[in-house]
C-alpha atoms as a PDB file:
ATOM      1  CA  MET A   1     -22.629  10.442  14.849  1.00  0.00           C
ATOM      2  CA  SER A   2     -25.816   8.726  15.751  1.00  0.00           C
ATOM      3  CA  GLU A   3     -26.748   5.051  15.355  1.00  0.00           C
ATOM      4  CA  LYS A   4     -28.987   6.178  12.322  1.00  0.00           C
ATOM      5  CA  GLN A   5     -26.249   7.900  10.709  1.00  0.00           C
ATOM      6  CA  PHE A   6     -23.922   4.654  10.945  1.00  0.00           C
ATOM      7  CA  LEU A   7     -26.861   2.316   9.851  1.00  0.00           C
ATOM      8  CA  THR A   8     -26.995   4.664   6.849  1.00  0.00           C
ATOM      9  CA  LEU A   9     -23.476   4.897   6.101  1.00  0.00           C
ATOM     10  CA  ILE A  10     -23.222   0.949   6.274  1.00  0.00           C
ATOM     11  CA  GLY A  11     -26.285   0.464   4.216  1.00  0.00           C
ATOM     12  CA  GLN A  12     -24.631   2.602   1.614  1.00  0.00           C
ATOM     13  CA  HIS A  13     -21.206   0.836   1.538  1.00  0.00           C
ATOM     14  CA  GLN A  14     -21.951  -2.589   2.931  1.00  0.00           C
ATOM     15  CA  GLY A  15     -20.475  -3.998  -0.449  1.00  0.00           C
ATOM     16  CA  ILE A  16     -17.344  -3.279   0.901  1.00  0.00           C
ATOM     17  CA  ILE A  17     -17.688  -5.544   3.926  1.00  0.00           C
ATOM     18  CA  HIS A  18     -18.983  -8.375   1.712  1.00  0.00           C
ATOM     19  CA  LYS A  19     -16.092  -8.147  -0.763  1.00  0.00           C
ATOM     20  CA  ILE A  20     -13.538  -8.370   2.102  1.00  0.00           C
ATOM     21  CA  CYS A  21     -15.590 -11.296   3.600  1.00  0.00           C
ATOM     22  CA  ARG A  22     -15.726 -13.046   0.123  1.00  0.00           C
ATOM     23  CA  LEU A  23     -12.082 -12.793  -0.297  1.00  0.00           C
ATOM     24  CA  TYR A  24     -10.960 -13.941   3.114  1.00  0.00           C
ATOM     25  CA  ARG A  25     -13.410 -16.441   4.136  1.00  0.00           C
ATOM     26  CA  ASP A  26     -14.784 -19.442   1.943  1.00  0.00           C
ATOM     27  CA  SER A  27     -17.840 -20.832   3.814  1.00  0.00           C
ATOM     28  CA  ASP A  28     -21.100 -19.038   4.268  1.00  0.00           C
ATOM     29  CA  GLU A  29     -20.867 -19.247   7.918  1.00  0.00           C
ATOM     30  CA  ASP A  30     -17.483 -18.016   8.143  1.00  0.00           C
ATOM     31  CA  ARG A  31     -18.173 -15.116   5.893  1.00  0.00           C
ATOM     32  CA  GLU A  32     -21.416 -14.196   8.091  1.00  0.00           C
ATOM     33  CA  ASP A  33     -18.929 -14.456  11.370  1.00  0.00           C
ATOM     34  CA  LEU A  34     -16.305 -12.328   9.536  1.00  0.00           C
ATOM     35  CA  PHE A  35     -19.194  -9.823   8.692  1.00  0.00           C
ATOM     36  CA  GLN A  36     -20.469  -9.614  12.175  1.00  0.00           C
ATOM     37  CA  GLU A  37     -17.109  -9.002  13.507  1.00  0.00           C
ATOM     38  CA  ILE A  38     -16.323  -6.341  11.145  1.00  0.00           C
ATOM     39  CA  MET A  39     -19.685  -4.883  11.872  1.00  0.00           C
ATOM     40  CA  PHE A  40     -18.813  -4.815  15.452  1.00  0.00           C
ATOM     41  CA  GLN A  41     -15.362  -3.237  14.990  1.00  0.00           C
ATOM     42  CA  LEU A  42     -16.906  -0.566  12.858  1.00  0.00           C
ATOM     43  CA  TRP A  43     -19.406   0.208  15.555  1.00  0.00           C
ATOM     44  CA  GLN A  44     -16.738   0.297  18.359  1.00  0.00           C
ATOM     45  CA  SER A  45     -14.556   2.538  16.296  1.00  0.00           C
ATOM     46  CA  PHE A  46     -17.286   4.718  14.856  1.00  0.00           C
ATOM     47  CA  PRO A  47     -17.058   7.336  17.550  1.00  0.00           C
ATOM     48  CA  SER A  48     -13.388   8.072  16.810  1.00  0.00           C
ATOM     49  CA  PHE A  49     -13.987   8.380  13.124  1.00  0.00           C
ATOM     50  CA  GLU A  50     -12.978  12.108  12.423  1.00  0.00           C
ATOM     51  CA  GLY A  51     -13.815  12.267   8.888  1.00  0.00           C
ATOM     52  CA  LYS A  52     -10.337  13.049   7.888  1.00  0.00           C
ATOM     53  CA  ALA A  53     -10.204  10.193   5.330  1.00  0.00           C
ATOM     54  CA  LYS A  54     -13.194   9.062   3.101  1.00  0.00           C
ATOM     55  CA  ILE A  55     -15.679   6.893   4.924  1.00  0.00           C
ATOM     56  CA  THR A  56     -15.125   3.986   2.411  1.00  0.00           C
ATOM     57  CA  SER A  57     -11.260   4.355   3.337  1.00  0.00           C
ATOM     58  CA  TRP A  58     -11.865   3.692   7.099  1.00  0.00           C
ATOM     59  CA  MET A  59     -14.214   0.910   6.319  1.00  0.00           C
ATOM     60  CA  TYR A  60     -11.379  -0.757   4.248  1.00  0.00           C
ATOM     61  CA  ARG A  61      -8.997  -0.282   7.022  1.00  0.00           C
ATOM     62  CA  VAL A  62     -11.160  -1.660   9.849  1.00  0.00           C
ATOM     63  CA  ALA A  63     -12.556  -4.531   7.670  1.00  0.00           C
ATOM     64  CA  LEU A  64      -9.060  -5.598   6.404  1.00  0.00           C
ATOM     65  CA  ASN A  65      -7.663  -5.260   9.825  1.00  0.00           C
ATOM     66  CA  THR A  66     -10.314  -7.328  11.439  1.00  0.00           C
ATOM     67  CA  ALA A  67     -10.244 -10.120   8.590  1.00  0.00           C
ATOM     68  CA  LEU A  68      -6.406 -10.325   8.964  1.00  0.00           C
ATOM     69  CA  ALA A  69      -6.499 -10.338  12.879  1.00  0.00           C
ATOM     70  CA  SER A  70      -9.123 -12.999  12.998  1.00  0.00           C
ATOM     71  CA  PHE A  71      -6.749 -15.164  10.766  1.00  0.00           C
ATOM     72  CA  ARG A  72      -3.832 -14.701  13.190  1.00  0.00           C
ATOM     73  CA  LYS A  73      -6.224 -15.760  16.182  1.00  0.00           C
ATOM     74  CA  LYS A  74      -7.941 -18.701  14.509  1.00  0.00           C
ATOM     75  CA  LYS A  75      -5.521 -19.994  11.957  1.00  0.00           C
ATOM     76  CA  PRO A  76      -7.965 -21.500   9.628  1.00  0.00           C
ATOM     77  CA  ASP A  77      -7.532 -23.529   6.659  1.00  0.00           C
ATOM     78  CA  ILE A  78      -7.439 -21.199   3.882  1.00  0.00           C
ATOM     79  CA  ALA A  79      -9.807 -22.030   1.016  1.00  0.00           C
ATOM     80  CA  TYR A  80     -11.141 -19.494  -1.637  1.00  0.00           C
ATOM     81  CA  THR A  81     -14.393 -19.118  -3.446  1.00  0.00           C
ATOM     82  CA  GLU A  82     -14.677 -20.134  -7.086  1.00  0.00           C
ATOM     83  CA  HIS A  83     -15.875 -16.929  -8.031  1.00  0.00           C
ATOM     84  CA  LEU A  84     -14.608 -13.248  -8.129  1.00  0.00           C
ATOM     85  CA  PRO A  85     -16.585 -10.877  -5.726  1.00  0.00           C
ATOM     86  CA  ASP A  86     -18.970  -8.311  -7.083  1.00  0.00           C
ATOM     87  CA  TYR A  87     -20.018  -9.777 -10.536  1.00  0.00           C
ATOM     88  CA  PRO A  88     -20.933  -7.503 -13.232  1.00  0.00           C
ATOM     89  CA  GLU A  89     -24.689  -6.708 -13.716  1.00  0.00           C
ATOM     90  CA  GLU A  90     -25.090  -8.299 -17.125  1.00  0.00           C
ATOM     91  CA  GLU A  91     -24.334 -12.026 -17.615  1.00  0.00           C
ATOM     92  CA  PRO A  92     -20.848 -12.795 -18.342  1.00  0.00           C
ATOM     93  CA  ASN A  93     -19.610 -14.411 -21.401  1.00  0.00           C
ATOM     94  CA  GLU A  94     -17.577 -17.717 -21.508  1.00  0.00           C
ATOM     95  CA  GLU A  95     -14.264 -15.791 -22.356  1.00  0.00           C
ATOM     96  CA  SER A  96     -15.104 -13.378 -19.466  1.00  0.00           C
ATOM     97  CA  VAL A  97     -15.572 -16.461 -17.123  1.00  0.00           C
ATOM     98  CA  VAL A  98     -12.389 -18.264 -17.974  1.00  0.00           C
ATOM     99  CA  ARG A  99     -10.351 -14.806 -17.555  1.00  0.00           C
ATOM    100  CA  GLN A 100     -12.031 -14.378 -14.109  1.00  0.00           C
ATOM    101  CA  GLU A 101     -11.196 -17.860 -13.066  1.00  0.00           C
ATOM    102  CA  LYS A 102      -7.535 -17.588 -14.108  1.00  0.00           C
ATOM    103  CA  LEU A 103      -7.368 -14.079 -12.151  1.00  0.00           C
ATOM    104  CA  LEU A 104      -8.902 -15.742  -9.140  1.00  0.00           C
ATOM    105  CA  SER A 105      -6.389 -18.686  -9.225  1.00  0.00           C
ATOM    106  CA  VAL A 106      -3.585 -16.064  -9.645  1.00  0.00           C
ATOM    107  CA  LEU A 107      -4.939 -13.819  -6.694  1.00  0.00           C
ATOM    108  CA  LYS A 108      -5.039 -17.208  -4.539  1.00  0.00           C
ATOM    109  CA  MET A 109      -1.265 -17.338  -4.971  1.00  0.00           C
ATOM    110  CA  LEU A 110      -0.806 -13.936  -3.325  1.00  0.00           C
ATOM    111  CA  ASP A 111      -0.187 -13.384   0.447  1.00  0.00           C
ATOM    112  CA  ASP A 112      -2.812 -11.711   2.565  1.00  0.00           C
ATOM    113  CA  THR A 113      -0.912  -8.204   2.294  1.00  0.00           C
ATOM    114  CA  GLU A 114      -0.473  -8.519  -1.296  1.00  0.00           C
ATOM    115  CA  LYS A 115      -4.242  -9.599  -1.720  1.00  0.00           C
ATOM    116  CA  ALA A 116      -5.314  -6.458   0.619  1.00  0.00           C
ATOM    117  CA  ILE A 117      -3.212  -4.007  -1.553  1.00  0.00           C
ATOM    118  CA  ILE A 118      -4.338  -5.245  -4.956  1.00  0.00           C
ATOM    119  CA  THR A 119      -8.050  -5.408  -3.845  1.00  0.00           C
ATOM    120  CA  LEU A 120      -7.651  -1.736  -2.888  1.00  0.00           C
ATOM    121  CA  TYR A 121      -6.114  -0.993  -6.174  1.00  0.00           C
ATOM    122  CA  LEU A 122      -8.639  -2.750  -8.038  1.00  0.00           C
ATOM    123  CA  GLU A 123     -11.068  -0.676  -6.283  1.00  0.00           C
ATOM    124  CA  ASP A 124      -9.530   2.417  -7.785  1.00  0.00           C
ATOM    125  CA  LEU A 125      -8.092   4.001  -4.432  1.00  0.00           C
ATOM    126  CA  SER A 126      -4.982   6.366  -4.746  1.00  0.00           C
ATOM    127  CA  TYR A 127      -1.818   5.221  -3.479  1.00  0.00           C
ATOM    128  CA  GLY A 128      -2.197   7.571  -0.521  1.00  0.00           C
ATOM    129  CA  GLU A 129      -5.559   5.980   0.428  1.00  0.00           C
ATOM    130  CA  ILE A 130      -4.001   2.506   0.132  1.00  0.00           C
ATOM    131  CA  ALA A 131      -1.154   3.893   2.223  1.00  0.00           C
ATOM    132  CA  ALA A 132      -3.608   5.262   5.060  1.00  0.00           C
ATOM    133  CA  ILE A 133      -5.757   1.804   4.865  1.00  0.00           C
ATOM    134  CA  THR A 134      -2.576  -0.699   5.018  1.00  0.00           C
ATOM    135  CA  GLY A 135      -0.460   1.572   7.406  1.00  0.00           C
ATOM    136  CA  ILE A 136       2.263   1.738   5.060  1.00  0.00           C
ATOM    137  CA  SER A 137       3.704   4.922   3.377  1.00  0.00           C
ATOM    138  CA  GLU A 138       2.388   6.076   0.113  1.00  0.00           C
ATOM    139  CA  ASN A 139       5.779   5.484  -1.592  1.00  0.00           C
ATOM    140  CA  TYR A 140       6.006   1.857  -0.411  1.00  0.00           C
ATOM    141  CA  ALA A 141       2.258   1.378  -1.424  1.00  0.00           C
ATOM    142  CA  GLY A 142       3.585   2.337  -5.137  1.00  0.00           C
ATOM    143  CA  VAL A 143       6.508   0.111  -4.995  1.00  0.00           C
ATOM    144  CA  LYS A 144       4.417  -2.742  -3.404  1.00  0.00           C
ATOM    145  CA  LEU A 145       1.781  -2.432  -6.031  1.00  0.00           C
ATOM    146  CA  ASN A 146       4.223  -2.533  -8.895  1.00  0.00           C
ATOM    147  CA  ARG A 147       5.919  -5.623  -7.492  1.00  0.00           C
ATOM    148  CA  ILE A 148       2.421  -7.086  -7.164  1.00  0.00           C
ATOM    149  CA  LYS A 149       1.440  -6.354 -10.629  1.00  0.00           C
ATOM    150  CA  THR A 150       4.620  -7.848 -11.989  1.00  0.00           C
ATOM    151  CA  LYS A 151       3.978 -10.908  -9.859  1.00  0.00           C
ATOM    152  CA  ILE A 152       0.597 -11.175 -11.205  1.00  0.00           C
ATOM    153  CA  GLN A 153       1.602 -10.671 -14.544  1.00  0.00           C
ATOM    154  CA  GLN A 154       4.422 -13.466 -14.379  1.00  0.00           C
ATOM    155  CA  LEU A 155       1.794 -15.902 -12.900  1.00  0.00           C
ATOM    156  CA  LEU A 156      -0.855 -15.182 -15.671  1.00  0.00           C
ATOM    157  CA  ASN A 157       1.961 -15.857 -18.255  1.00  0.00           C
ATOM    158  CA  LYS A 158       2.919 -19.393 -17.055  1.00  0.00           C
END
């Protein structure tokens, strides 16, 4: 594929990259750095993309692997944003804001793998797509998701 096709695809799906950056980095500078690194990794691996998976699944896989790999390299202090990524179009009501803040505080308690899996699940990806992106089996993705949901429910009920 050409550079123009790559840029078009990125333009259409850049929200994926922004979500991962917001979830894994706190400061604007760190998010910008991670965004650039993800873009670089996407560009580097673009020629090998065969189209066997959806383009969004491939982008999630590269973005998550890049975000997690950069944690291993730098070992930054982990701090999270005060807001969930991708706000709804309309103004949230007070109850919605409280629920989002509570969910975000629970998501902060998950480890990186759990955050990656639940993020993909919340994006309505299938177990198969989650497995392909994270490199685990489809069955294990289902098991892991059930455990994560149970953990989130327990934390929300505290």
